[in-house]
Amino acid sequence: MKKLFPLAGLLLLLAACFKEKMAVVDAPVDINPNDTTSAPVTTAVKRKVLFIGISGVRGDVMRKAQAPHMLGLLPNAIYSFDALTQAPTNSGATWSTLLTGVWSNKHGVTSNTFSGSNFTRYPIGLKYLKTLAPQLRTVSVQSWSILNSQLFSQADVTVNLPDNDAAVRDTTVNRIKTDNADIIVAGFSGVQTAAHQSGYGPDVEEYMTAITTVDGYVGDLLAAVNSRPDKDKEDWLVIITSDHGGIGNKEGSNSFEERNIFTLFANAKFAKHEVVPPLNSLKAVRYAAIGDYSYSRDPFYDFERIKKFTVAISVRSSTFAGGDPPFIGNKSWASGNNAGWLLCPKGSDKWKFQAGDGAGGARVDITSSGPAITDNQWHTVAVTIDRSSAPGTVVLYQDGVQVGTSSLNNLSPFAPASDLKLVVGDDISGTYRYTDGNCDFSLANIRIWDTVWTKADMAKYRHCDTVQTGNPYYDRMIGWWKGIENTGGTLKDAGPLKKDLTFNNAPQWVAQEIDFCNTAIPAPVPQSVDIMPTLLSWLRITVDPGWNLDGISWLP
């Protein structure tokens, strides 16, 4: 990035322009120094930003909320009730995403302690402002004080009002009226507090009342903007967003309810534009509730008869805490001694293969030696089973790498006498999540072959790919359930045999921001990472590709 003036000159200008104490900042890191980002051009009408962050407002709930001031902006806004953030969905990580324009895998913040931050490489957006437009003045008023110390330390004015949204309203109104700041940020936490005490959701009276209360505060801020004496010489962009949603009385994980936020960009010149997800966006099935499983009763899936087979399945989760219901299998998991086999979570972040024959003395339990798979990325877990000769062998693979092997101890029978022959998301009783522990994961790209893959081929072919026809094992497929249908009560078999699986519960189809190879999918709706690029663009600061931001601008 080429600067308009040397850094020394910039510091002198900063000192001359402001009497208040201001942090000195270095130039933002630029991985592509051959491009150019220029300072904004000064115009007669001055652009300003009112940025309102409301912790814990779920986007789907805003549709039903009594919030006349925020919803009253919609006729002149680009907005979405389906906007998203990413896990981890705690306030530290999500506010860092809002202010940096990158996800937590880059900015490094994964908890409310802000430990592990990588703000040197991926700085807070104010750093770009202070470098390229040092004349712009920022005020931050927060009810969660750590935001000012961790994320707004480069603001010209910071005001901490712990857990006092009414005081945030009063102070921000006064600043709008009396301070000629260019960016005014107000952070409210009362909605999240109500959710932690009483729960998230449209049926929780305390939560809905908290949204209505903060809407009144927003109305006071908007009225203050409209009462400014020089408003005809100013052009305000109003940004309203939440940091995360929630489910039950918590947030932090990867459910849609926790990732779903409300986002709005409003300006008097904008035309109304609601952004909704397209029908063809990539979705996968989430298995999280009691009764969430799919199954086959087809006697074809008799794994006592099928002596050699390979199973591979794509798994995504933020944690396995809570229980170990199977990803896939054909046995009752009430006891590991029971006849049959399964793949399931192990502890909070690993997975295992388990098999028994009903006798109890020869059961096999082997845990993957690979790294944790609860990083909110897709991972392919696979096993090969060879019982064609005694004592039999099982080999575990994770993302194409061998992570375990064991004798099968002559286990037989390898299938129980059961109506259900194959189950995804629970054991063959369909009640394990209820009786023995639940946990939350998404599954897709489920494949079974009636042969054993070689170690070399496991490493060679991309198991994350949903196009499997190019590998040499396609003709040996006895089931290929992509799990990307987005609708309906069956998992369609895309393989040669067309043996669909049936859902027990209505499936939860969850939109994905990454594909099964963990490549980012261009977002069809606004995301947390879009706030800073939109704010910078409004202030006529071109986002430098060398900053490597993950977000985009939603300005029309």
Protein backbone atom coordinates (compact mmCIF):
# COMPACT_ATOMS: atom_id res chain seq x y z
CA MET A 1 0.00 0.00 0.00
CA LYS A 2 1.50 3.34 -1.03
CA LYS A 3 1.00 6.09 1.54
CA LEU A 4 0.17 9.68 0.67
CA PHE A 5 2.80 10.96 3.06
CA PRO A 6 5.61 9.51 5.18
CA LEU A 7 4.77 8.09 8.59
CA ALA A 8 6.68 10.86 10.38
CA GLY A 9 4.56 13.49 8.67
CA LEU A 10 1.46 11.57 9.61
CA LEU A 11 2.38 11.61 13.28
CA LEU A 12 3.02 15.35 13.22
CA LEU A 13 -0.34 15.89 11.60
CA LEU A 14 -2.05 13.76 14.24
CA ALA A 15 -0.44 15.75 17.02
CA ALA A 16 -1.40 19.07 15.45
CA CYS A 17 -5.01 18.19 14.71
CA PHE A 18 -6.10 16.79 18.07
CA LYS A 19 -5.71 18.04 21.59
CA GLU A 20 -7.10 14.83 23.09
CA LYS A 21 -4.80 11.89 23.74
CA MET A 22 -4.65 9.55 20.78
CA ALA A 23 -2.87 6.23 20.33
CA VAL A 24 -0.02 6.25 17.82
CA VAL A 25 -0.45 3.47 15.30
CA ASP A 26 1.83 1.82 12.81
CA ALA A 27 0.87 1.34 9.18
CA PRO A 28 -1.44 -1.65 8.60
CA VAL A 29 0.26 -4.81 7.39
CA ASP A 30 -0.09 -5.16 3.62
CA ILE A 31 0.69 -8.47 1.95
CA ASN A 32 0.42 -6.89 -1.50
CA PRO A 33 2.52 -3.68 -1.54
CA ASN A 34 2.24 -3.28 -5.31
CA ASP A 35 -1.34 -1.97 -5.23
CA THR A 36 -2.47 1.45 -4.06
CA THR A 37 -5.00 2.62 -1.49
CA SER A 38 -5.64 6.35 -1.42
CA ALA A 39 -7.02 8.58 1.29
CA PRO A 40 -10.66 9.59 0.84
CA VAL A 41 -11.52 12.64 -1.23
CA THR A 42 -13.00 15.54 0.74
CA THR A 43 -16.47 16.66 -0.37
CA ALA A 44 -18.88 19.42 0.66
CA VAL A 45 -21.29 16.93 2.27
CA LYS A 46 -19.50 15.06 5.02
CA ARG A 47 -20.13 11.35 5.42
CA LYS A 48 -20.57 10.02 8.95
CA VAL A 49 -21.36 6.68 10.58
CA LEU A 50 -23.56 5.70 13.50
CA PHE A 51 -22.60 2.11 14.33
CA ILE A 52 -24.92 0.38 16.81
CA GLY A 53 -23.94 -3.05 18.10
CA ILE A 54 -26.56 -4.99 20.07
CA SER A 55 -25.27 -8.19 21.63
CA GLY A 56 -27.45 -11.26 21.33
CA VAL A 57 -30.18 -10.19 18.89
CA ARG A 58 -31.13 -13.15 16.74
CA GLY A 59 -32.10 -12.30 13.18
CA ASP A 60 -35.13 -14.56 12.94
CA VAL A 61 -36.50 -13.09 16.18
CA MET A 62 -36.28 -9.52 14.84
CA ARG A 63 -39.01 -10.42 12.35
CA LYS A 64 -41.41 -10.81 15.27
CA ALA A 65 -40.03 -8.14 17.60
CA GLN A 66 -41.78 -4.95 18.63
CA ALA A 67 -38.98 -2.71 17.37
CA PRO A 68 -40.58 0.19 15.49
CA HIS A 69 -37.45 2.34 15.38
CA MET A 70 -35.09 -0.25 13.93
CA LEU A 71 -37.71 -1.76 11.64
CA GLY A 72 -38.77 1.74 10.66
CA LEU A 73 -35.42 2.12 8.89
CA LEU A 74 -36.15 -0.76 6.48
CA PRO A 75 -37.69 1.37 3.67
CA ASN A 76 -34.25 2.97 3.23
CA ALA A 77 -32.00 0.07 4.14
CA ILE A 78 -30.11 -2.95 2.93
CA TYR A 79 -30.87 -5.53 5.59
CA SER A 80 -31.20 -9.20 6.41
CA PHE A 81 -32.91 -11.24 9.08
CA ASP A 82 -30.79 -14.15 7.83
CA ALA A 83 -27.36 -12.54 8.32
CA LEU A 84 -24.69 -14.76 9.83
CA THR A 85 -21.59 -14.90 11.95
CA GLN A 86 -19.33 -17.93 12.45
CA ALA A 87 -18.45 -20.08 15.42
CA PRO A 88 -17.16 -19.59 18.01
CA THR A 89 -20.17 -17.38 18.69
CA ASN A 90 -19.07 -15.74 21.94
CA SER A 91 -18.95 -11.95 22.10
CA GLY A 92 -15.16 -11.69 22.18
CA ALA A 93 -14.73 -13.60 18.93
CA THR A 94 -17.72 -12.08 17.13
CA TRP A 95 -17.03 -8.46 18.09
CA SER A 96 -13.43 -8.99 16.93
CA THR A 97 -14.83 -10.18 13.60
CA LEU A 98 -17.07 -7.11 13.34
CA LEU A 99 -14.13 -4.76 13.92
CA THR A 100 -11.43 -6.52 11.85
CA GLY A 101 -13.37 -7.77 8.84
CA VAL A 102 -11.81 -11.24 9.16
CA TRP A 103 -12.89 -14.48 10.83
CA SER A 104 -11.44 -15.85 14.05
CA ASN A 105 -9.06 -18.17 12.21
CA LYS A 106 -7.23 -14.96 11.20
CA HIS A 107 -7.77 -12.51 14.05
CA GLY A 108 -7.14 -15.27 16.58
CA VAL A 109 -9.79 -14.38 19.17
CA THR A 110 -11.88 -17.38 20.21
CA SER A 111 -13.06 -16.39 23.70
CA ASN A 112 -14.15 -13.44 25.80
CA THR A 113 -10.62 -13.11 27.19
CA PHE A 114 -9.30 -11.99 23.76
CA SER A 115 -6.25 -14.17 24.32
CA GLY A 116 -4.44 -15.29 21.19
CA SER A 117 -5.37 -12.17 19.23
CA ASN A 118 -3.50 -11.52 15.99
CA PHE A 119 -4.35 -7.85 15.64
CA THR A 120 -0.84 -7.05 14.44
CA ARG A 121 -1.41 -8.96 11.22
CA TYR A 122 -5.17 -8.32 11.03
CA PRO A 123 -5.69 -5.00 12.79
CA ILE A 124 -8.85 -3.36 14.03
CA GLY A 125 -10.42 -1.26 11.28
CA LEU A 126 -9.64 1.96 13.15
CA LYS A 127 -6.00 1.40 12.29
CA TYR A 128 -6.80 1.79 8.59
CA LEU A 129 -8.75 4.93 9.40
CA LYS A 130 -5.93 6.45 11.44
CA THR A 131 -3.43 5.75 8.70
CA LEU A 132 -5.41 6.83 5.66
CA ALA A 133 -7.79 9.41 7.13
CA PRO A 134 -6.29 10.68 10.40
CA GLN A 135 -8.66 13.64 10.42
CA LEU A 136 -11.63 11.34 11.10
CA ARG A 137 -12.72 11.29 14.72
CA THR A 138 -14.14 8.20 16.48
CA VAL A 139 -16.16 7.90 19.70
CA SER A 140 -16.99 4.54 21.30
CA VAL A 141 -19.53 4.18 24.13
CA GLN A 142 -19.79 0.64 25.49
CA SER A 143 -21.71 -1.25 28.15
CA TRP A 144 -19.15 -4.09 27.92
CA SER A 145 -15.99 -2.24 28.92
CA ILE A 146 -13.48 -4.77 27.58
CA LEU A 147 -14.47 -3.82 24.03
CA ASN A 148 -13.00 -0.36 24.49
CA SER A 149 -9.73 -1.67 25.88
CA GLN A 150 -9.34 -4.50 23.36
CA LEU A 151 -10.98 -3.22 20.17
CA PHE A 152 -11.45 0.56 20.43
CA SER A 153 -8.18 1.59 22.06
CA GLN A 154 -7.42 3.71 18.97
CA ALA A 155 -10.68 5.66 19.19
CA ASP A 156 -10.39 9.34 20.06
CA VAL A 157 -12.89 8.99 22.89
CA THR A 158 -13.90 5.85 24.77
CA VAL A 159 -16.59 5.75 27.46
CA ASN A 160 -17.19 2.69 29.66
CA LEU A 161 -20.63 2.25 31.24
CA PRO A 162 -20.66 -1.33 32.50
CA ASP A 163 -23.98 -3.14 32.07
CA ASN A 164 -25.89 0.12 31.77
CA ASP A 165 -27.61 0.40 28.40
CA ALA A 166 -29.64 3.43 29.48
CA ALA A 167 -26.43 5.30 30.28
CA VAL A 168 -24.99 4.24 26.92
CA ARG A 169 -28.07 5.77 25.31
CA ASP A 170 -27.76 9.02 27.27
CA THR A 171 -24.03 9.42 26.65
CA THR A 172 -24.28 8.58 22.96
CA VAL A 173 -27.16 11.01 22.46
CA ASN A 174 -25.08 13.73 24.09
CA ARG A 175 -22.06 12.88 21.92
CA ILE A 176 -24.17 12.98 18.75
CA LYS A 177 -25.48 16.40 19.72
CA THR A 178 -22.24 17.97 20.93
CA ASP A 179 -19.31 16.09 19.40
CA ASN A 180 -18.41 16.48 15.74
CA ALA A 181 -17.19 12.87 15.54
CA ASP A 182 -17.24 11.07 12.20
CA ILE A 183 -17.82 7.56 13.59
CA ILE A 184 -19.93 7.08 16.71
CA VAL A 185 -20.20 3.56 18.09
CA ALA A 186 -22.75 2.50 20.71
CA GLY A 187 -22.62 -0.99 22.22
CA PHE A 188 -25.61 -2.41 24.09
CA SER A 189 -25.59 -5.65 26.12
CA GLY A 190 -29.02 -5.77 27.79
CA VAL A 191 -30.56 -8.15 25.25
CA GLN A 192 -27.79 -10.70 25.79
CA THR A 193 -28.16 -10.33 29.56
CA ALA A 194 -31.89 -11.07 29.30
CA ALA A 195 -31.14 -14.11 27.12
CA HIS A 196 -28.64 -15.49 29.61
CA GLN A 197 -31.19 -15.10 32.40
CA SER A 198 -34.35 -16.24 30.63
CA GLY A 199 -33.42 -17.69 27.25
CA TYR A 200 -33.28 -16.80 23.57
CA GLY A 201 -36.30 -16.97 21.29
CA PRO A 202 -39.51 -15.27 20.17
CA ASP A 203 -41.51 -17.04 22.89
CA VAL A 204 -39.37 -15.71 25.75
CA GLU A 205 -41.11 -12.61 27.07
CA GLU A 206 -38.07 -11.18 28.86
CA TYR A 207 -35.93 -11.52 25.73
CA MET A 208 -38.51 -9.85 23.51
CA THR A 209 -39.01 -7.05 26.05
CA ALA A 210 -35.26 -6.42 26.11
CA ILE A 211 -35.25 -6.03 22.31
CA THR A 212 -38.11 -3.52 22.55
CA THR A 213 -36.25 -1.61 25.25
CA VAL A 214 -33.05 -1.29 23.23
CA ASP A 215 -35.12 -0.32 20.20
CA GLY A 216 -36.32 2.69 22.19
CA TYR A 217 -32.69 3.61 22.86
CA VAL A 218 -31.94 3.29 19.15
CA GLY A 219 -34.86 5.60 18.44
CA ASP A 220 -33.32 8.23 20.72
CA LEU A 221 -29.98 7.95 18.88
CA LEU A 222 -31.68 8.34 15.50
CA ALA A 223 -33.60 11.37 16.75
CA ALA A 224 -30.33 12.94 17.91
CA VAL A 225 -28.81 12.47 14.45
CA ASN A 226 -31.84 14.06 12.82
CA SER A 227 -31.67 17.04 15.19
CA ARG A 228 -28.06 17.98 14.40
CA PRO A 229 -27.90 21.62 13.26
CA ASP A 230 -25.73 20.83 10.22
CA LYS A 231 -27.58 17.69 9.15
CA ASP A 232 -28.10 19.11 5.63
CA LYS A 233 -24.32 19.12 5.23
CA GLU A 234 -23.96 15.56 6.56
CA ASP A 235 -24.71 12.15 5.11
CA TRP A 236 -25.13 9.47 7.77
CA LEU A 237 -24.83 5.72 7.33
CA VAL A 238 -26.58 3.86 10.15
CA ILE A 239 -25.21 0.38 10.80
CA ILE A 240 -27.13 -1.85 13.20
CA THR A 241 -25.94 -5.37 13.84
CA SER A 242 -25.76 -8.02 16.51
CA ASP A 243 -22.63 -9.93 17.36
CA HIS A 244 -24.30 -13.36 17.66
CA GLY A 245 -27.59 -15.09 18.31
CA GLY A 246 -28.19 -17.89 20.78
CA ILE A 247 -30.19 -20.95 21.75
CA GLY A 248 -31.51 -21.87 25.17
CA ASN A 249 -29.72 -19.40 27.38
CA LYS A 250 -26.29 -19.60 25.75
CA GLU A 251 -24.20 -18.95 22.70
CA GLY A 252 -20.73 -20.04 21.59
CA SER A 253 -21.32 -23.00 19.30
CA ASN A 254 -22.20 -23.53 15.65
CA SER A 255 -25.99 -23.90 15.55
CA PHE A 256 -27.89 -21.71 13.13
CA GLU A 257 -29.62 -20.01 16.05
CA GLU A 258 -26.26 -19.03 17.53
CA ARG A 259 -24.83 -17.84 14.18
CA ASN A 260 -27.98 -16.01 13.03
CA ILE A 261 -27.79 -12.22 13.47
CA PHE A 262 -29.68 -9.13 12.34
CA THR A 263 -27.81 -6.66 10.13
CA LEU A 264 -28.93 -3.36 8.63
CA PHE A 265 -27.25 -0.61 6.59
CA ALA A 266 -29.51 2.45 6.34
CA ASN A 267 -29.23 5.78 4.56
CA ALA A 268 -31.87 8.21 3.33
CA LYS A 269 -30.86 7.58 -0.29
CA PHE A 270 -30.95 3.77 -0.12
CA ALA A 271 -33.80 1.81 -1.65
CA LYS A 272 -35.32 -1.01 0.39
CA HIS A 273 -33.50 -4.30 -0.18
CA GLU A 274 -33.99 -7.36 1.99
CA VAL A 275 -31.25 -9.93 1.45
CA VAL A 276 -32.49 -13.52 1.73
CA PRO A 277 -30.57 -16.77 1.18
CA PRO A 278 -31.02 -18.29 -2.28
CA LEU A 279 -32.81 -21.63 -2.42
CA ASN A 280 -29.76 -23.29 -3.93
CA SER A 281 -27.27 -22.37 -1.19
CA LEU A 282 -25.23 -25.29 0.14
CA LYS A 283 -26.83 -26.87 3.19
CA ALA A 284 -26.08 -29.90 5.32
CA VAL A 285 -28.08 -31.80 7.91
CA ARG A 286 -27.54 -31.00 11.56
CA TYR A 287 -28.03 -33.81 14.08
CA ALA A 288 -28.54 -32.20 17.48
CA ALA A 289 -31.91 -33.11 18.97
CA ILE A 290 -33.46 -36.28 20.35
CA GLY A 291 -34.83 -38.25 17.42
CA ASP A 292 -32.46 -36.68 14.85
CA TYR A 293 -31.42 -39.65 12.74
CA SER A 294 -31.90 -41.24 9.33
CA TYR A 295 -32.14 -44.93 8.65
CA SER A 296 -32.58 -47.88 6.29
CA ARG A 297 -34.61 -51.02 6.87
CA ASP A 298 -33.26 -52.62 3.69
CA PRO A 299 -31.92 -56.14 4.49
CA PHE A 300 -29.30 -55.49 1.81
CA TYR A 301 -27.30 -53.71 4.54
CA ASP A 302 -26.48 -56.93 6.39
CA PHE A 303 -22.90 -56.34 7.48
CA GLU A 304 -22.52 -59.92 8.68
CA ARG A 305 -22.88 -60.88 5.02
CA ILE A 306 -20.71 -58.03 3.69
CA LYS A 307 -17.25 -59.21 4.74
CA LYS A 308 -15.27 -56.30 3.26
CA PHE A 309 -16.43 -52.68 3.23
CA THR A 310 -15.31 -49.07 3.59
CA VAL A 311 -17.28 -46.27 5.26
CA ALA A 312 -16.47 -42.56 4.90
CA ILE A 313 -18.44 -39.64 6.28
CA SER A 314 -17.92 -35.86 6.50
CA VAL A 315 -18.35 -34.45 10.03
CA ARG A 316 -18.52 -30.84 11.24
CA SER A 317 -18.79 -29.74 14.87
CA SER A 318 -17.50 -27.21 17.38
CA THR A 319 -17.59 -29.63 20.31
CA PHE A 320 -18.69 -33.14 21.16
CA ALA A 321 -19.39 -32.22 24.77
CA GLY A 322 -22.56 -33.81 26.09
CA GLY A 323 -22.47 -37.32 24.68
CA ASP A 324 -21.33 -39.74 22.01
CA PRO A 325 -24.28 -40.67 19.78
CA PRO A 326 -23.04 -42.51 16.68
CA PHE A 327 -22.28 -40.78 13.40
CA ILE A 328 -23.19 -44.00 11.63
CA GLY A 329 -23.53 -47.66 12.51
CA ASN A 330 -25.70 -50.75 12.81
CA LYS A 331 -25.67 -51.58 16.53
CA SER A 332 -27.28 -50.68 19.82
CA TRP A 333 -24.82 -48.43 21.68
CA ALA A 334 -26.38 -49.21 25.05
CA SER A 335 -23.40 -51.55 25.45
CA GLY A 336 -20.18 -51.83 23.49
CA ASN A 337 -20.53 -55.58 23.76
CA ASN A 338 -23.63 -55.58 21.54
CA ALA A 339 -23.26 -57.00 18.05
CA GLY A 340 -22.43 -54.59 15.22
CA TRP A 341 -20.20 -51.60 14.55
CA LEU A 342 -20.32 -47.80 14.71
CA LEU A 343 -18.33 -44.57 14.39
CA CYS A 344 -18.95 -42.00 17.12
CA PRO A 345 -17.46 -39.02 19.01
CA LYS A 346 -14.81 -39.73 21.63
CA GLY A 347 -14.46 -37.20 24.42
CA SER A 348 -14.91 -33.57 23.50
CA ASP A 349 -12.94 -33.50 20.24
CA LYS A 350 -11.95 -36.97 18.91
CA TRP A 351 -13.74 -39.92 17.27
CA LYS A 352 -13.59 -43.69 17.55
CA PHE A 353 -14.57 -47.00 15.96
CA GLN A 354 -16.38 -49.51 18.13
CA ALA A 355 -17.58 -53.06 17.43
CA GLY A 356 -18.83 -56.09 19.30
CA ASP A 357 -20.39 -59.51 18.68
CA GLY A 358 -22.85 -59.76 21.55
CA ALA A 359 -20.67 -62.13 23.54
CA GLY A 360 -18.71 -59.45 25.39
CA GLY A 361 -15.21 -60.83 25.36
CA ALA A 362 -13.87 -59.65 22.02
CA ARG A 363 -15.14 -56.11 21.60
CA VAL A 364 -12.98 -53.61 19.72
CA ASP A 365 -12.59 -49.95 20.74
CA ILE A 366 -10.06 -47.83 18.88
CA THR A 367 -9.78 -44.02 19.01
CA SER A 368 -8.34 -41.93 16.21
CA SER A 369 -4.78 -40.76 16.87
CA GLY A 370 -5.33 -37.77 14.58
CA PRO A 371 -5.83 -34.18 15.65
CA ALA A 372 -9.09 -32.85 17.08
CA ILE A 373 -11.96 -32.57 14.62
CA THR A 374 -14.07 -30.05 16.58
CA ASP A 375 -12.65 -26.93 14.93
CA ASN A 376 -15.87 -26.09 13.05
CA GLN A 377 -14.32 -27.39 9.82
CA TRP A 378 -15.40 -30.38 7.76
CA HIS A 379 -13.40 -33.56 8.38
CA THR A 380 -13.65 -36.91 6.64
CA VAL A 381 -13.57 -39.87 9.01
CA ALA A 382 -13.33 -43.30 7.41
CA VAL A 383 -12.78 -46.94 8.26
CA THR A 384 -11.98 -50.02 6.21
CA ILE A 385 -13.26 -53.37 7.45
CA ASP A 386 -11.83 -56.67 6.23
CA ARG A 387 -13.34 -59.81 7.75
CA SER A 388 -12.56 -62.04 4.76
CA SER A 389 -9.95 -63.91 6.81
CA ALA A 390 -9.42 -64.34 10.54
CA PRO A 391 -9.09 -62.42 12.77
CA GLY A 392 -10.14 -59.47 10.59
CA THR A 393 -8.75 -55.94 10.44
CA VAL A 394 -10.09 -52.41 10.85
CA VAL A 395 -8.11 -49.36 9.71
CA LEU A 396 -9.06 -45.77 10.65
CA TYR A 397 -8.43 -42.76 8.41
CA GLN A 398 -8.91 -39.06 9.05
CA ASP A 399 -8.79 -36.63 6.13
CA GLY A 400 -6.95 -39.26 4.07
CA VAL A 401 -4.32 -40.06 6.73
CA GLN A 402 -4.20 -43.37 8.60
CA VAL A 403 -4.90 -42.75 12.29
CA GLY A 404 -5.32 -46.24 13.72
CA THR A 405 -5.60 -49.97 13.09
CA SER A 406 -6.67 -53.00 15.07
CA SER A 407 -7.52 -56.67 14.86
CA LEU A 408 -11.25 -57.41 14.78
CA ASN A 409 -10.76 -60.39 17.11
CA ASN A 410 -12.86 -62.72 14.94
CA LEU A 411 -16.00 -60.77 15.80
CA SER A 412 -19.15 -62.48 14.59
CA PRO A 413 -21.98 -61.74 14.12
CA PHE A 414 -21.21 -58.25 12.81
CA ALA A 415 -24.88 -57.29 12.63
CA PRO A 416 -27.66 -57.59 15.22
CA ALA A 417 -31.14 -58.94 14.64
CA SER A 418 -32.86 -55.57 14.19
CA ASP A 419 -35.52 -53.94 12.04
CA LEU A 420 -33.19 -51.02 11.34
CA LYS A 421 -30.13 -52.13 9.37
CA LEU A 422 -28.20 -48.84 9.11
CA VAL A 423 -28.62 -45.61 11.08
CA VAL A 424 -27.02 -42.16 10.70
CA GLY A 425 -27.00 -39.81 13.71
CA ASP A 426 -28.01 -42.32 16.42
CA ASP A 427 -27.83 -46.03 17.21
CA ILE A 428 -30.30 -48.61 15.85
CA SER A 429 -32.64 -48.07 18.80
CA GLY A 430 -33.10 -44.45 17.77
CA THR A 431 -33.14 -43.53 21.47
CA TYR A 432 -29.46 -43.26 22.41
CA ARG A 433 -29.49 -39.45 22.35
CA TYR A 434 -32.32 -39.60 24.89
CA THR A 435 -30.99 -42.30 27.19
CA ASP A 436 -27.22 -41.91 27.07
CA GLY A 437 -26.26 -38.39 25.98
CA ASN A 438 -26.70 -35.92 23.17
CA CYS A 439 -24.28 -33.78 21.18
CA ASP A 440 -24.34 -31.49 18.16
CA PHE A 441 -22.78 -32.27 14.77
CA SER A 442 -23.52 -31.99 11.06
CA LEU A 443 -23.01 -34.90 8.66
CA ALA A 444 -22.78 -35.09 4.88
CA ASN A 445 -21.21 -36.96 1.97
CA ILE A 446 -21.83 -40.37 3.57
CA ARG A 447 -20.38 -43.22 1.50
CA ILE A 448 -20.13 -47.01 1.77
CA TRP A 449 -18.29 -49.35 -0.64
CA ASP A 450 -18.35 -53.17 -0.55
CA THR A 451 -14.59 -53.31 -0.82
CA VAL A 452 -11.53 -52.10 1.08
CA TRP A 453 -9.84 -48.90 -0.01
CA THR A 454 -6.05 -49.00 -0.03
CA LYS A 455 -3.98 -46.64 2.12
CA ALA A 456 -2.49 -45.09 -1.03
CA ASP A 457 -5.91 -44.38 -2.52
CA MET A 458 -7.16 -42.89 0.75
CA ALA A 459 -4.35 -40.35 0.50
CA LYS A 460 -4.78 -39.79 -3.25
CA TYR A 461 -8.48 -39.02 -3.64
CA ARG A 462 -10.22 -36.04 -2.05
CA HIS A 463 -12.86 -37.54 0.18
CA CYS A 464 -14.26 -34.08 0.82
CA ASP A 465 -15.41 -33.90 -2.79
CA THR A 466 -19.07 -34.62 -3.50
CA VAL A 467 -18.18 -35.73 -7.04
CA GLN A 468 -17.12 -39.33 -6.46
CA THR A 469 -17.58 -40.76 -9.96
CA GLY A 470 -13.93 -40.19 -10.88
CA ASN A 471 -12.37 -42.56 -8.36
CA PRO A 472 -11.81 -46.27 -9.15
CA TYR A 473 -14.19 -47.44 -6.43
CA TYR A 474 -17.36 -45.82 -7.76
CA ASP A 475 -18.78 -49.08 -9.14
CA ARG A 476 -18.38 -50.68 -5.70
CA MET A 477 -20.52 -48.03 -3.99
CA ILE A 478 -23.43 -49.49 -2.05
CA GLY A 479 -24.54 -46.12 -0.72
CA TRP A 480 -23.72 -42.46 -1.34
CA TRP A 481 -25.85 -40.00 0.57
CA LYS A 482 -24.58 -36.49 -0.21
CA GLY A 483 -26.93 -34.86 2.29
CA ILE A 484 -27.22 -31.60 0.35
CA GLU A 485 -30.81 -31.83 -0.89
CA ASN A 486 -31.93 -28.84 1.21
CA THR A 487 -35.46 -30.20 1.47
CA GLY A 488 -37.55 -33.31 1.89
CA GLY A 489 -37.72 -36.22 4.29
CA THR A 490 -35.14 -38.51 2.70
CA LEU A 491 -31.39 -38.62 2.16
CA LYS A 492 -31.09 -39.36 -1.54
CA ASP A 493 -28.66 -42.07 -2.60
CA ALA A 494 -26.55 -40.63 -5.43
CA GLY A 495 -24.74 -43.93 -5.97
CA PRO A 496 -25.57 -46.75 -8.38
CA LEU A 497 -28.07 -48.55 -6.10
CA LYS A 498 -30.37 -45.58 -5.27
CA LYS A 499 -31.14 -46.79 -1.74
CA ASP A 500 -32.42 -43.67 0.03
CA LEU A 501 -32.36 -43.19 3.80
CA THR A 502 -35.44 -41.97 5.67
CA PHE A 503 -35.35 -39.19 8.29
CA ASN A 504 -37.02 -39.87 11.63
CA ASN A 505 -37.46 -36.17 12.54
CA ALA A 506 -37.91 -33.37 10.04
CA PRO A 507 -34.27 -32.64 9.11
CA GLN A 508 -32.50 -29.43 10.10
CA TRP A 509 -30.90 -28.13 6.88
CA VAL A 510 -28.18 -25.66 7.89
CA ALA A 511 -26.64 -23.25 5.38
CA GLN A 512 -22.86 -23.63 5.07
CA GLU A 513 -20.34 -20.83 4.60
CA ILE A 514 -17.65 -23.35 3.60
CA ASP A 515 -17.86 -26.37 1.32
CA PHE A 516 -16.90 -29.90 2.35
CA CYS A 517 -13.27 -29.18 1.39
CA ASN A 518 -13.39 -26.13 3.74
CA THR A 519 -13.21 -23.62 0.91
CA ALA A 520 -15.09 -20.41 1.63
CA ILE A 521 -18.38 -20.01 -0.21
CA PRO A 522 -19.27 -16.45 -1.24
CA ALA A 523 -21.90 -15.42 1.26
CA PRO A 524 -25.42 -14.96 -0.10
CA VAL A 525 -26.35 -12.83 2.93
CA PRO A 526 -24.49 -10.21 5.00
CA GLN A 527 -21.97 -11.58 7.48
CA SER A 528 -20.11 -10.14 10.46
CA VAL A 529 -16.98 -9.71 8.36
CA ASP A 530 -18.86 -7.30 6.06
CA ILE A 531 -19.36 -4.56 8.65
CA MET A 532 -15.88 -3.06 8.48
CA PRO A 533 -15.50 -3.15 4.65
CA THR A 534 -18.90 -1.45 4.35
CA LEU A 535 -17.98 1.20 6.94
CA LEU A 536 -14.65 1.92 5.25
CA SER A 537 -16.24 2.10 1.82
CA TRP A 538 -18.84 4.56 3.09
CA LEU A 539 -16.02 6.81 4.28
CA ARG A 540 -14.54 6.52 0.76
CA ILE A 541 -11.61 4.40 1.88
CA THR A 542 -10.96 1.72 -0.70
CA VAL A 543 -10.33 -1.68 0.86
CA ASP A 544 -6.83 -2.76 -0.13
CA PRO A 545 -6.72 -6.39 -1.34
CA GLY A 546 -3.43 -6.70 0.52
CA TRP A 547 -5.29 -6.42 3.82
CA ASN A 548 -6.75 -9.86 3.06
CA LEU A 549 -10.16 -9.10 4.56
CA ASP A 550 -12.84 -11.79 4.44
CA GLY A 551 -15.78 -9.41 4.08
CA ILE A 552 -17.31 -7.29 1.33
CA SER A 553 -19.08 -3.96 1.14
CA TRP A 554 -22.87 -3.97 0.84
CA LEU A 555 -23.14 -0.37 -0.34
CA PRO A 556 -25.42 -0.06 -3.38
